[in-house]
Amino acid sequence: MPAYMIVTCHIHDRDAFIQEYGARAAALVEKHGGRYLLRAPGAEALEGDFGDGASMVISEWPDKQSVHRFWNSPEYAEAKKLRVGIADCQVLVIEAPSLAEAYR
């Protein structure tokens, strides 16, 4: 079953985040079988206090195991270091039917 990784980040230095962490992470997402569905700043929180003004990223993966292989890979461990001090992130993973299939 497909899995989705949902990331909410408050980014303090957008240029450094995109140029350093973002570029490296994007290559690793593709390498590990993920694809981006959404990458955008300016979320509006309707409830709760973490997401207001945050950037959101949603990626689709073949399965939850693919997300864990990406997340636990040595390459991604190095990439995550690039966002330390420039972004506060919340990362979730969930299995769900394919969005493409669900809305046919």
PDB file of N, CA and C in Angstrom:
ATOM      1  N   MET A   1       0.848  -1.175   0.000  1.00  0.00           N
ATOM      2  CA  MET A   1       0.000   0.000   0.000  1.00  0.00           C
ATOM      3  C   MET A   1       0.894   1.239   0.000  1.00  0.00           C
ATOM      4  N   PRO A   2       0.538   2.266  -0.778  1.00  0.00           N
ATOM      5  CA  PRO A   2       1.334   3.490  -0.792  1.00  0.00           C
ATOM      6  C   PRO A   2       1.420   4.127   0.595  1.00  0.00           C
ATOM      7  N   ALA A   3       2.464   4.909   0.774  1.00  0.00           N
ATOM      8  CA  ALA A   3       2.647   5.666   2.012  1.00  0.00           C
ATOM      9  C   ALA A   3       2.918   7.108   1.636  1.00  0.00           C
ATOM     10  N   TYR A   4       2.564   7.994   2.547  1.00  0.00           N
ATOM     11  CA  TYR A   4       2.748   9.422   2.339  1.00  0.00           C
ATOM     12  C   TYR A   4       3.537   9.987   3.502  1.00  0.00           C
ATOM     13  N   MET A   5       4.550  10.786   3.169  1.00  0.00           N
ATOM     14  CA  MET A   5       5.311  11.487   4.188  1.00  0.00           C
ATOM     15  C   MET A   5       4.847  12.942   4.150  1.00  0.00           C
ATOM     16  N   ILE A   6       4.443  13.437   5.307  1.00  0.00           N
ATOM     17  CA  ILE A   6       3.911  14.787   5.423  1.00  0.00           C
ATOM     18  C   ILE A   6       4.840  15.565   6.347  1.00  0.00           C
ATOM     19  N   VAL A   7       5.406  16.632   5.817  1.00  0.00           N
ATOM     20  CA  VAL A   7       6.395  17.422   6.548  1.00  0.00           C
ATOM     21  C   VAL A   7       5.876  18.853   6.687  1.00  0.00           C
ATOM     22  N   THR A   8       5.926  19.358   7.895  1.00  0.00           N
ATOM     23  CA  THR A   8       5.612  20.746   8.191  1.00  0.00           C
ATOM     24  C   THR A   8       6.872  21.370   8.766  1.00  0.00           C
ATOM     25  N   CYS A   9       7.361  22.456   8.159  1.00  0.00           N
ATOM     26  CA  CYS A   9       8.598  23.098   8.623  1.00  0.00           C
ATOM     27  C   CYS A   9       8.427  24.590   8.777  1.00  0.00           C
ATOM     28  N   HIS A  10       8.906  25.093   9.896  1.00  0.00           N
ATOM     29  CA  HIS A  10       9.097  26.527  10.060  1.00  0.00           C
ATOM     30  C   HIS A  10      10.546  26.778   9.666  1.00  0.00           C
ATOM     31  N   ILE A  11      10.735  27.467   8.565  1.00  0.00           N
ATOM     32  CA  ILE A  11      12.073  27.677   8.007  1.00  0.00           C
ATOM     33  C   ILE A  11      12.543  29.084   8.373  1.00  0.00           C
ATOM     34  N   HIS A  12      13.720  29.157   8.992  1.00  0.00           N
ATOM     35  CA  HIS A  12      14.266  30.427   9.455  1.00  0.00           C
ATOM     36  C   HIS A  12      15.212  31.057   8.429  1.00  0.00           C
ATOM     37  N   ASP A  13      15.810  30.249   7.567  1.00  0.00           N
ATOM     38  CA  ASP A  13      16.702  30.730   6.506  1.00  0.00           C
ATOM     39  C   ASP A  13      16.345  29.970   5.233  1.00  0.00           C
ATOM     40  N   ARG A  14      15.366  30.496   4.481  1.00  0.00           N
ATOM     41  CA  ARG A  14      14.826  29.793   3.317  1.00  0.00           C
ATOM     42  C   ARG A  14      15.891  29.527   2.250  1.00  0.00           C
ATOM     43  N   ASP A  15      16.759  30.502   1.967  1.00  0.00           N
ATOM     44  CA  ASP A  15      17.776  30.311   0.930  1.00  0.00           C
ATOM     45  C   ASP A  15      18.712  29.149   1.277  1.00  0.00           C
ATOM     46  N   ALA A  16      19.214  29.133   2.500  1.00  0.00           N
ATOM     47  CA  ALA A  16      20.115  28.047   2.918  1.00  0.00           C
ATOM     48  C   ALA A  16      19.377  26.718   2.921  1.00  0.00           C
ATOM     49  N   PHE A  17      18.141  26.722   3.380  1.00  0.00           N
ATOM     50  CA  PHE A  17      17.348  25.492   3.440  1.00  0.00           C
ATOM     51  C   PHE A  17      17.173  24.899   2.045  1.00  0.00           C
ATOM     52  N   ILE A  18      16.763  25.723   1.091  1.00  0.00           N
ATOM     53  CA  ILE A  18      16.491  25.231  -0.261  1.00  0.00           C
ATOM     54  C   ILE A  18      17.783  24.825  -0.966  1.00  0.00           C
ATOM     55  N   GLN A  19      18.789  25.664  -0.910  1.00  0.00           N
ATOM     56  CA  GLN A  19      20.020  25.409  -1.642  1.00  0.00           C
ATOM     57  C   GLN A  19      20.812  24.235  -1.079  1.00  0.00           C
ATOM     58  N   GLU A  20      20.831  24.095   0.229  1.00  0.00           N
ATOM     59  CA  GLU A  20      21.653  23.047   0.826  1.00  0.00           C
ATOM     60  C   GLU A  20      20.827  21.801   1.117  1.00  0.00           C
ATOM     61  N   TYR A  21      19.945  21.885   2.084  1.00  0.00           N
ATOM     62  CA  TYR A  21      19.159  20.715   2.471  1.00  0.00           C
ATOM     63  C   TYR A  21      18.183  20.283   1.372  1.00  0.00           C
ATOM     64  N   GLY A  22      17.435  21.219   0.830  1.00  0.00           N
ATOM     65  CA  GLY A  22      16.389  20.894  -0.139  1.00  0.00           C
ATOM     66  C   GLY A  22      16.913  20.165  -1.355  1.00  0.00           C
ATOM     67  N   ALA A  23      18.000  20.646  -1.912  1.00  0.00           N
ATOM     68  CA  ALA A  23      18.570  20.002  -3.096  1.00  0.00           C
ATOM     69  C   ALA A  23      19.037  18.582  -2.780  1.00  0.00           C
ATOM     70  N   ARG A  24      19.698  18.407  -1.668  1.00  0.00           N
ATOM     71  CA  ARG A  24      20.198  17.080  -1.286  1.00  0.00           C
ATOM     72  C   ARG A  24      19.046  16.131  -0.991  1.00  0.00           C
ATOM     73  N   ALA A  25      18.058  16.596  -0.233  1.00  0.00           N
ATOM     74  CA  ALA A  25      16.916  15.752   0.123  1.00  0.00           C
ATOM     75  C   ALA A  25      16.126  15.343  -1.114  1.00  0.00           C
ATOM     76  N   ALA A  26      15.920  16.265  -2.045  1.00  0.00           N
ATOM     77  CA  ALA A  26      15.155  15.956  -3.253  1.00  0.00           C
ATOM     78  C   ALA A  26      15.791  14.824  -4.049  1.00  0.00           C
ATOM     79  N   ALA A  27      17.104  14.845  -4.183  1.00  0.00           N
ATOM     80  CA  ALA A  27      17.800  13.779  -4.899  1.00  0.00           C
ATOM     81  C   ALA A  27      17.633  12.438  -4.182  1.00  0.00           C
ATOM     82  N   LEU A  28      17.655  12.467  -2.854  1.00  0.00           N
ATOM     83  CA  LEU A  28      17.512  11.226  -2.086  1.00  0.00           C
ATOM     84  C   LEU A  28      16.085  10.702  -2.098  1.00  0.00           C
ATOM     85  N   VAL A  29      15.112  11.594  -2.100  1.00  0.00           N
ATOM     86  CA  VAL A  29      13.711  11.160  -2.202  1.00  0.00           C
ATOM     87  C   VAL A  29      13.539  10.376  -3.498  1.00  0.00           C
ATOM     88  N   GLU A  30      14.013  10.932  -4.595  1.00  0.00           N
ATOM     89  CA  GLU A  30      13.900  10.257  -5.894  1.00  0.00           C
ATOM     90  C   GLU A  30      14.662   8.930  -5.891  1.00  0.00           C
ATOM     91  N   LYS A  31      15.861   8.938  -5.368  1.00  0.00           N
ATOM     92  CA  LYS A  31      16.689   7.721  -5.326  1.00  0.00           C
ATOM     93  C   LYS A  31      15.998   6.591  -4.569  1.00  0.00           C
ATOM     94  N   HIS A  32      15.243   6.931  -3.526  1.00  0.00           N
ATOM     95  CA  HIS A  32      14.600   5.920  -2.687  1.00  0.00           C
ATOM     96  C   HIS A  32      13.154   5.626  -3.087  1.00  0.00           C
ATOM     97  N   GLY A  33      12.721   6.150  -4.221  1.00  0.00           N
ATOM     98  CA  GLY A  33      11.411   5.786  -4.749  1.00  0.00           C
ATOM     99  C   GLY A  33      10.270   6.712  -4.423  1.00  0.00           C
ATOM    100  N   GLY A  34      10.554   7.854  -3.810  1.00  0.00           N
ATOM    101  CA  GLY A  34       9.496   8.799  -3.485  1.00  0.00           C
ATOM    102  C   GLY A  34       9.297   9.816  -4.597  1.00  0.00           C
ATOM    103  N   ARG A  35       8.160  10.479  -4.557  1.00  0.00           N
ATOM    104  CA  ARG A  35       7.910  11.588  -5.483  1.00  0.00           C
ATOM    105  C   ARG A  35       7.100  12.648  -4.752  1.00  0.00           C
ATOM    106  N   TYR A  36       7.422  13.893  -5.050  1.00  0.00           N
ATOM    107  CA  TYR A  36       6.744  14.997  -4.389  1.00  0.00           C
ATOM    108  C   TYR A  36       5.362  15.225  -4.998  1.00  0.00           C
ATOM    109  N   LEU A  37       4.384  15.409  -4.138  1.00  0.00           N
ATOM    110  CA  LEU A  37       3.047  15.811  -4.555  1.00  0.00           C
ATOM    111  C   LEU A  37       2.827  17.290  -4.294  1.00  0.00           C
ATOM    112  N   LEU A  38       3.492  17.820  -3.258  1.00  0.00           N
ATOM    113  CA  LEU A  38       3.316  19.216  -2.863  1.00  0.00           C
ATOM    114  C   LEU A  38       4.577  19.705  -2.164  1.00  0.00           C
ATOM    115  N   ARG A  39       5.025  20.897  -2.537  1.00  0.00           N
ATOM    116  CA  ARG A  39       6.092  21.610  -1.829  1.00  0.00           C
ATOM    117  C   ARG A  39       5.744  23.091  -1.910  1.00  0.00           C
ATOM    118  N   ALA A  40       5.330  23.669  -0.771  1.00  0.00           N
ATOM    119  CA  ALA A  40       4.895  25.059  -0.807  1.00  0.00           C
ATOM    120  C   ALA A  40       4.994  25.714   0.565  1.00  0.00           C
ATOM    121  N   PRO A  41       5.307  27.014   0.585  1.00  0.00           N
ATOM    122  CA  PRO A  41       5.308  27.775   1.838  1.00  0.00           C
ATOM    123  C   PRO A  41       3.932  28.370   2.107  1.00  0.00           C
ATOM    124  N   GLY A  42       3.755  28.886   3.317  1.00  0.00           N
ATOM    125  CA  GLY A  42       2.587  29.696   3.642  1.00  0.00           C
ATOM    126  C   GLY A  42       1.347  28.955   4.078  1.00  0.00           C
ATOM    127  N   ALA A  43       1.507  27.848   4.797  1.00  0.00           N
ATOM    128  CA  ALA A  43       0.335  27.117   5.283  1.00  0.00           C
ATOM    129  C   ALA A  43      -0.458  27.982   6.258  1.00  0.00           C
ATOM    130  N   GLU A  44      -1.746  27.793   6.255  1.00  0.00           N
ATOM    131  CA  GLU A  44      -2.622  28.496   7.197  1.00  0.00           C
ATOM    132  C   GLU A  44      -3.179  27.476   8.185  1.00  0.00           C
ATOM    133  N   ALA A  45      -2.881  27.657   9.456  1.00  0.00           N
ATOM    134  CA  ALA A  45      -3.382  26.753  10.489  1.00  0.00           C
ATOM    135  C   ALA A  45      -4.815  27.133  10.840  1.00  0.00           C
ATOM    136  N   LEU A  46      -5.709  26.181  10.719  1.00  0.00           N
ATOM    137  CA  LEU A  46      -7.090  26.407  11.117  1.00  0.00           C
ATOM    138  C   LEU A  46      -7.334  25.930  12.539  1.00  0.00           C
ATOM    139  N   GLU A  47      -6.453  25.036  13.014  1.00  0.00           N
ATOM    140  CA  GLU A  47      -6.515  24.551  14.392  1.00  0.00           C
ATOM    141  C   GLU A  47      -5.117  24.090  14.777  1.00  0.00           C
ATOM    142  N   GLY A  48      -4.752  24.254  16.020  1.00  0.00           N
ATOM    143  CA  GLY A  48      -3.418  23.873  16.470  1.00  0.00           C
ATOM    144  C   GLY A  48      -2.451  25.021  16.279  1.00  0.00           C
ATOM    145  N   ASP A  49      -1.210  24.829  16.729  1.00  0.00           N
ATOM    146  CA  ASP A  49      -0.282  25.946  16.712  1.00  0.00           C
ATOM    147  C   ASP A  49       1.015  25.696  15.954  1.00  0.00           C
ATOM    148  N   PHE A  50       1.181  24.531  15.332  1.00  0.00           N
ATOM    149  CA  PHE A  50       2.462  24.295  14.677  1.00  0.00           C
ATOM    150  C   PHE A  50       2.512  24.792  13.238  1.00  0.00           C
ATOM    151  N   GLY A  51       1.434  24.675  12.492  1.00  0.00           N
ATOM    152  CA  GLY A  51       1.515  24.860  11.054  1.00  0.00           C
ATOM    153  C   GLY A  51       1.367  26.258  10.506  1.00  0.00           C
ATOM    154  N   ASP A  52       0.932  27.231  11.289  1.00  0.00           N
ATOM    155  CA  ASP A  52       0.648  28.541  10.712  1.00  0.00           C
ATOM    156  C   ASP A  52       1.901  29.167  10.114  1.00  0.00           C
ATOM    157  N   GLY A  53       1.830  29.511   8.839  1.00  0.00           N
ATOM    158  CA  GLY A  53       2.947  30.126   8.132  1.00  0.00           C
ATOM    159  C   GLY A  53       4.024  29.155   7.691  1.00  0.00           C
ATOM    160  N   ALA A  54       3.865  27.892   8.000  1.00  0.00           N
ATOM    161  CA  ALA A  54       4.900  26.891   7.714  1.00  0.00           C
ATOM    162  C   ALA A  54       4.938  26.507   6.241  1.00  0.00           C
ATOM    163  N   SER A  55       6.017  25.874   5.882  1.00  0.00           N
ATOM    164  CA  SER A  55       6.129  25.230   4.577  1.00  0.00           C
ATOM    165  C   SER A  55       5.654  23.797   4.726  1.00  0.00           C
ATOM    166  N   MET A  56       5.008  23.289   3.688  1.00  0.00           N
ATOM    167  CA  MET A  56       4.484  21.922   3.707  1.00  0.00           C
ATOM    168  C   MET A  56       5.092  21.137   2.557  1.00  0.00           C
ATOM    169  N   VAL A  57       5.400  19.883   2.837  1.00  0.00           N
ATOM    170  CA  VAL A  57       5.880  18.962   1.806  1.00  0.00           C
ATOM    171  C   VAL A  57       5.117  17.666   1.979  1.00  0.00           C
ATOM    172  N   ILE A  58       4.550  17.175   0.897  1.00  0.00           N
ATOM    173  CA  ILE A  58       3.902  15.867   0.908  1.00  0.00           C
ATOM    174  C   ILE A  58       4.539  15.054  -0.211  1.00  0.00           C
ATOM    175  N   SER A  59       5.031  13.877   0.147  1.00  0.00           N
ATOM    176  CA  SER A  59       5.613  12.983  -0.847  1.00  0.00           C
ATOM    177  C   SER A  59       4.921  11.633  -0.782  1.00  0.00           C
ATOM    178  N   GLU A  60       4.852  10.987  -1.935  1.00  0.00           N
ATOM    179  CA  GLU A  60       4.234   9.669  -2.052  1.00  0.00           C
ATOM    180  C   GLU A  60       5.327   8.634  -2.273  1.00  0.00           C
ATOM    181  N   TRP A  61       5.159   7.483  -1.638  1.00  0.00           N
ATOM    182  CA  TRP A  61       6.152   6.412  -1.671  1.00  0.00           C
ATOM    183  C   TRP A  61       5.459   5.096  -2.012  1.00  0.00           C
ATOM    184  N   PRO A  62       6.196   4.135  -2.556  1.00  0.00           N
ATOM    185  CA  PRO A  62       5.586   2.845  -2.885  1.00  0.00           C
ATOM    186  C   PRO A  62       4.966   2.151  -1.667  1.00  0.00           C
ATOM    187  N   ASP A  63       5.615   2.319  -0.506  1.00  0.00           N
ATOM    188  CA  ASP A  63       5.144   1.680   0.727  1.00  0.00           C
ATOM    189  C   ASP A  63       5.874   2.318   1.908  1.00  0.00           C
ATOM    190  N   LYS A  64       5.422   1.976   3.106  1.00  0.00           N
ATOM    191  CA  LYS A  64       6.015   2.555   4.319  1.00  0.00           C
ATOM    192  C   LYS A  64       7.482   2.137   4.488  1.00  0.00           C
ATOM    193  N   GLN A  65       7.808   0.937   4.059  1.00  0.00           N
ATOM    194  CA  GLN A  65       9.194   0.472   4.171  1.00  0.00           C
ATOM    195  C   GLN A  65      10.143   1.345   3.350  1.00  0.00           C
ATOM    196  N   SER A  66       9.675   1.830   2.196  1.00  0.00           N
ATOM    197  CA  SER A  66      10.501   2.725   1.372  1.00  0.00           C
ATOM    198  C   SER A  66      10.795   4.033   2.102  1.00  0.00           C
ATOM    199  N   VAL A  67       9.801   4.548   2.800  1.00  0.00           N
ATOM    200  CA  VAL A  67      10.011   5.769   3.585  1.00  0.00           C
ATOM    201  C   VAL A  67      11.062   5.510   4.654  1.00  0.00           C
ATOM    202  N   HIS A  68      10.956   4.380   5.351  1.00  0.00           N
ATOM    203  CA  HIS A  68      11.907   4.072   6.420  1.00  0.00           C
ATOM    204  C   HIS A  68      13.309   3.840   5.876  1.00  0.00           C
ATOM    205  N   ARG A  69      13.439   3.227   4.690  1.00  0.00           N
ATOM    206  CA  ARG A  69      14.773   3.056   4.097  1.00  0.00           C
ATOM    207  C   ARG A  69      15.395   4.417   3.793  1.00  0.00           C
ATOM    208  N   PHE A  70      14.598   5.321   3.238  1.00  0.00           N
ATOM    209  CA  PHE A  70      15.065   6.688   2.982  1.00  0.00           C
ATOM    210  C   PHE A  70      15.453   7.370   4.291  1.00  0.00           C
ATOM    211  N   TRP A  71      14.523   7.381   5.253  1.00  0.00           N
ATOM    212  CA  TRP A  71      14.701   8.110   6.507  1.00  0.00           C
ATOM    213  C   TRP A  71      15.913   7.610   7.291  1.00  0.00           C
ATOM    214  N   ASN A  72      16.156   6.319   7.254  1.00  0.00           N
ATOM    215  CA  ASN A  72      17.247   5.724   8.033  1.00  0.00           C
ATOM    216  C   ASN A  72      18.539   5.542   7.247  1.00  0.00           C
ATOM    217  N   SER A  73      18.574   6.019   6.010  1.00  0.00           N
ATOM    218  CA  SER A  73      19.785   5.855   5.198  1.00  0.00           C
ATOM    219  C   SER A  73      20.903   6.768   5.706  1.00  0.00           C
ATOM    220  N   PRO A  74      22.145   6.323   5.575  1.00  0.00           N
ATOM    221  CA  PRO A  74      23.275   7.168   5.974  1.00  0.00           C
ATOM    222  C   PRO A  74      23.318   8.490   5.194  1.00  0.00           C
ATOM    223  N   GLU A  75      22.919   8.441   3.905  1.00  0.00           N
ATOM    224  CA  GLU A  75      22.938   9.668   3.095  1.00  0.00           C
ATOM    225  C   GLU A  75      21.949  10.697   3.639  1.00  0.00           C
ATOM    226  N   TYR A  76      20.769  10.236   4.053  1.00  0.00           N
ATOM    227  CA  TYR A  76      19.792  11.191   4.566  1.00  0.00           C
ATOM    228  C   TYR A  76      20.184  11.681   5.959  1.00  0.00           C
ATOM    229  N   ALA A  77      20.830  10.845   6.739  1.00  0.00           N
ATOM    230  CA  ALA A  77      21.321  11.289   8.048  1.00  0.00           C
ATOM    231  C   ALA A  77      22.264  12.487   7.866  1.00  0.00           C
ATOM    232  N   GLU A  78      23.095  12.436   6.834  1.00  0.00           N
ATOM    233  CA  GLU A  78      23.998  13.559   6.545  1.00  0.00           C
ATOM    234  C   GLU A  78      23.218  14.772   6.054  1.00  0.00           C
ATOM    235  N   ALA A  79      22.228  14.548   5.199  1.00  0.00           N
ATOM    236  CA  ALA A  79      21.426  15.660   4.670  1.00  0.00           C
ATOM    237  C   ALA A  79      20.666  16.375   5.788  1.00  0.00           C
ATOM    238  N   LYS A  80      20.114  15.618   6.741  1.00  0.00           N
ATOM    239  CA  LYS A  80      19.347  16.225   7.837  1.00  0.00           C
ATOM    240  C   LYS A  80      20.186  17.212   8.642  1.00  0.00           C
ATOM    241  N   LYS A  81      21.479  16.980   8.719  1.00  0.00           N
ATOM    242  CA  LYS A  81      22.358  17.887   9.452  1.00  0.00           C
ATOM    243  C   LYS A  81      22.346  19.292   8.848  1.00  0.00           C
ATOM    244  N   LEU A  82      22.040  19.379   7.548  1.00  0.00           N
ATOM    245  CA  LEU A  82      22.042  20.666   6.858  1.00  0.00           C
ATOM    246  C   LEU A  82      20.878  21.563   7.265  1.00  0.00           C
ATOM    247  N   ARG A  83      19.854  20.999   7.893  1.00  0.00           N
ATOM    248  CA  ARG A  83      18.717  21.828   8.306  1.00  0.00           C
ATOM    249  C   ARG A  83      18.760  22.203   9.785  1.00  0.00           C
ATOM    250  N   VAL A  84      19.740  21.690  10.518  1.00  0.00           N
ATOM    251  CA  VAL A  84      19.863  22.012  11.935  1.00  0.00           C
ATOM    252  C   VAL A  84      20.095  23.515  12.093  1.00  0.00           C
ATOM    253  N   GLY A  85      19.276  24.128  12.914  1.00  0.00           N
ATOM    254  CA  GLY A  85      19.400  25.557  13.188  1.00  0.00           C
ATOM    255  C   GLY A  85      18.716  26.464  12.178  1.00  0.00           C
ATOM    256  N   ILE A  86      18.276  25.908  11.037  1.00  0.00           N
ATOM    257  CA  ILE A  86      17.616  26.756  10.044  1.00  0.00           C
ATOM    258  C   ILE A  86      16.153  26.374   9.827  1.00  0.00           C
ATOM    259  N   ALA A  87      15.712  25.262  10.437  1.00  0.00           N
ATOM    260  CA  ALA A  87      14.309  24.853  10.285  1.00  0.00           C
ATOM    261  C   ALA A  87      13.895  23.956  11.445  1.00  0.00           C
ATOM    262  N   ASP A  88      12.645  24.122  11.863  1.00  0.00           N
ATOM    263  CA  ASP A  88      12.037  23.239  12.846  1.00  0.00           C
ATOM    264  C   ASP A  88      10.967  22.453  12.104  1.00  0.00           C
ATOM    265  N   CYS A  89      11.111  21.130  12.105  1.00  0.00           N
ATOM    266  CA  CYS A  89      10.243  20.297  11.279  1.00  0.00           C
ATOM    267  C   CYS A  89       9.480  19.267  12.095  1.00  0.00           C
ATOM    268  N   GLN A  90       8.302  18.974  11.607  1.00  0.00           N
ATOM    269  CA  GLN A  90       7.478  17.866  12.108  1.00  0.00           C
ATOM    270  C   GLN A  90       7.284  16.939  10.911  1.00  0.00           C
ATOM    271  N   VAL A  91       7.568  15.640  11.080  1.00  0.00           N
ATOM    272  CA  VAL A  91       7.499  14.696   9.971  1.00  0.00           C
ATOM    273  C   VAL A  91       6.615  13.520  10.364  1.00  0.00           C
ATOM    274  N   LEU A  92       5.652  13.238   9.508  1.00  0.00           N
ATOM    275  CA  LEU A  92       4.719  12.137   9.728  1.00  0.00           C
ATOM    276  C   LEU A  92       4.748  11.203   8.521  1.00  0.00           C
ATOM    277  N   VAL A  93       4.440   9.940   8.753  1.00  0.00           N
ATOM    278  CA  VAL A  93       4.264   8.992   7.657  1.00  0.00           C
ATOM    279  C   VAL A  93       2.970   8.236   7.902  1.00  0.00           C
ATOM    280  N   ILE A  94       2.235   7.996   6.826  1.00  0.00           N
ATOM    281  CA  ILE A  94       0.968   7.281   6.937  1.00  0.00           C
ATOM    282  C   ILE A  94       0.745   6.452   5.675  1.00  0.00           C
ATOM    283  N   GLU A  95       0.216   5.266   5.859  1.00  0.00           N
ATOM    284  CA  GLU A  95      -0.176   4.435   4.727  1.00  0.00           C
ATOM    285  C   GLU A  95      -1.622   4.762   4.363  1.00  0.00           C
ATOM    286  N   ALA A  96      -1.899   4.808   3.074  1.00  0.00           N
ATOM    287  CA  ALA A  96      -3.248   5.100   2.610  1.00  0.00           C
ATOM    288  C   ALA A  96      -3.368   4.646   1.156  1.00  0.00           C
ATOM    289  N   PRO A  97      -4.574   4.439   0.704  1.00  0.00           N
ATOM    290  CA  PRO A  97      -4.747   4.101  -0.731  1.00  0.00           C
ATOM    291  C   PRO A  97      -4.154   5.196  -1.597  1.00  0.00           C
ATOM    292  N   SER A  98      -3.755   4.847  -2.789  1.00  0.00           N
ATOM    293  CA  SER A  98      -3.194   5.793  -3.730  1.00  0.00           C
ATOM    294  C   SER A  98      -4.169   6.930  -3.982  1.00  0.00           C
ATOM    295  N   LEU A  99      -3.673   8.146  -3.930  1.00  0.00           N
ATOM    296  CA  LEU A  99      -4.516   9.315  -4.204  1.00  0.00           C
ATOM    297  C   LEU A  99      -5.030   9.286  -5.639  1.00  0.00           C
ATOM    298  N   ALA A 100      -4.196   8.827  -6.564  1.00  0.00           N
ATOM    299  CA  ALA A 100      -4.610   8.741  -7.957  1.00  0.00           C
ATOM    300  C   ALA A 100      -5.780   7.769  -8.116  1.00  0.00           C
ATOM    301  N   GLU A 101      -5.728   6.660  -7.404  1.00  0.00           N
ATOM    302  CA  GLU A 101      -6.797   5.664  -7.469  1.00  0.00           C
ATOM    303  C   GLU A 101      -8.042   6.132  -6.734  1.00  0.00           C
ATOM    304  N   ALA A 102      -7.870   6.833  -5.638  1.00  0.00           N
ATOM    305  CA  ALA A 102      -8.999   7.239  -4.796  1.00  0.00           C
ATOM    306  C   ALA A 102      -9.900   8.253  -5.480  1.00  0.00           C
ATOM    307  N   TYR A 103      -9.352   9.038  -6.404  1.00  0.00           N
ATOM    308  CA  TYR A 103     -10.144  10.105  -7.009  1.00  0.00           C
ATOM    309  C   TYR A 103     -10.406   9.893  -8.486  1.00  0.00           C
ATOM    310  N   ARG A 104     -10.532   8.661  -8.907  1.00  0.00           N
ATOM    311  CA  ARG A 104     -10.877   8.374 -10.312  1.00  0.00           C
ATOM    312  C   ARG A 104     -12.353   8.422 -10.486  1.00  0.00           C
TER     313      ARG A 104
END
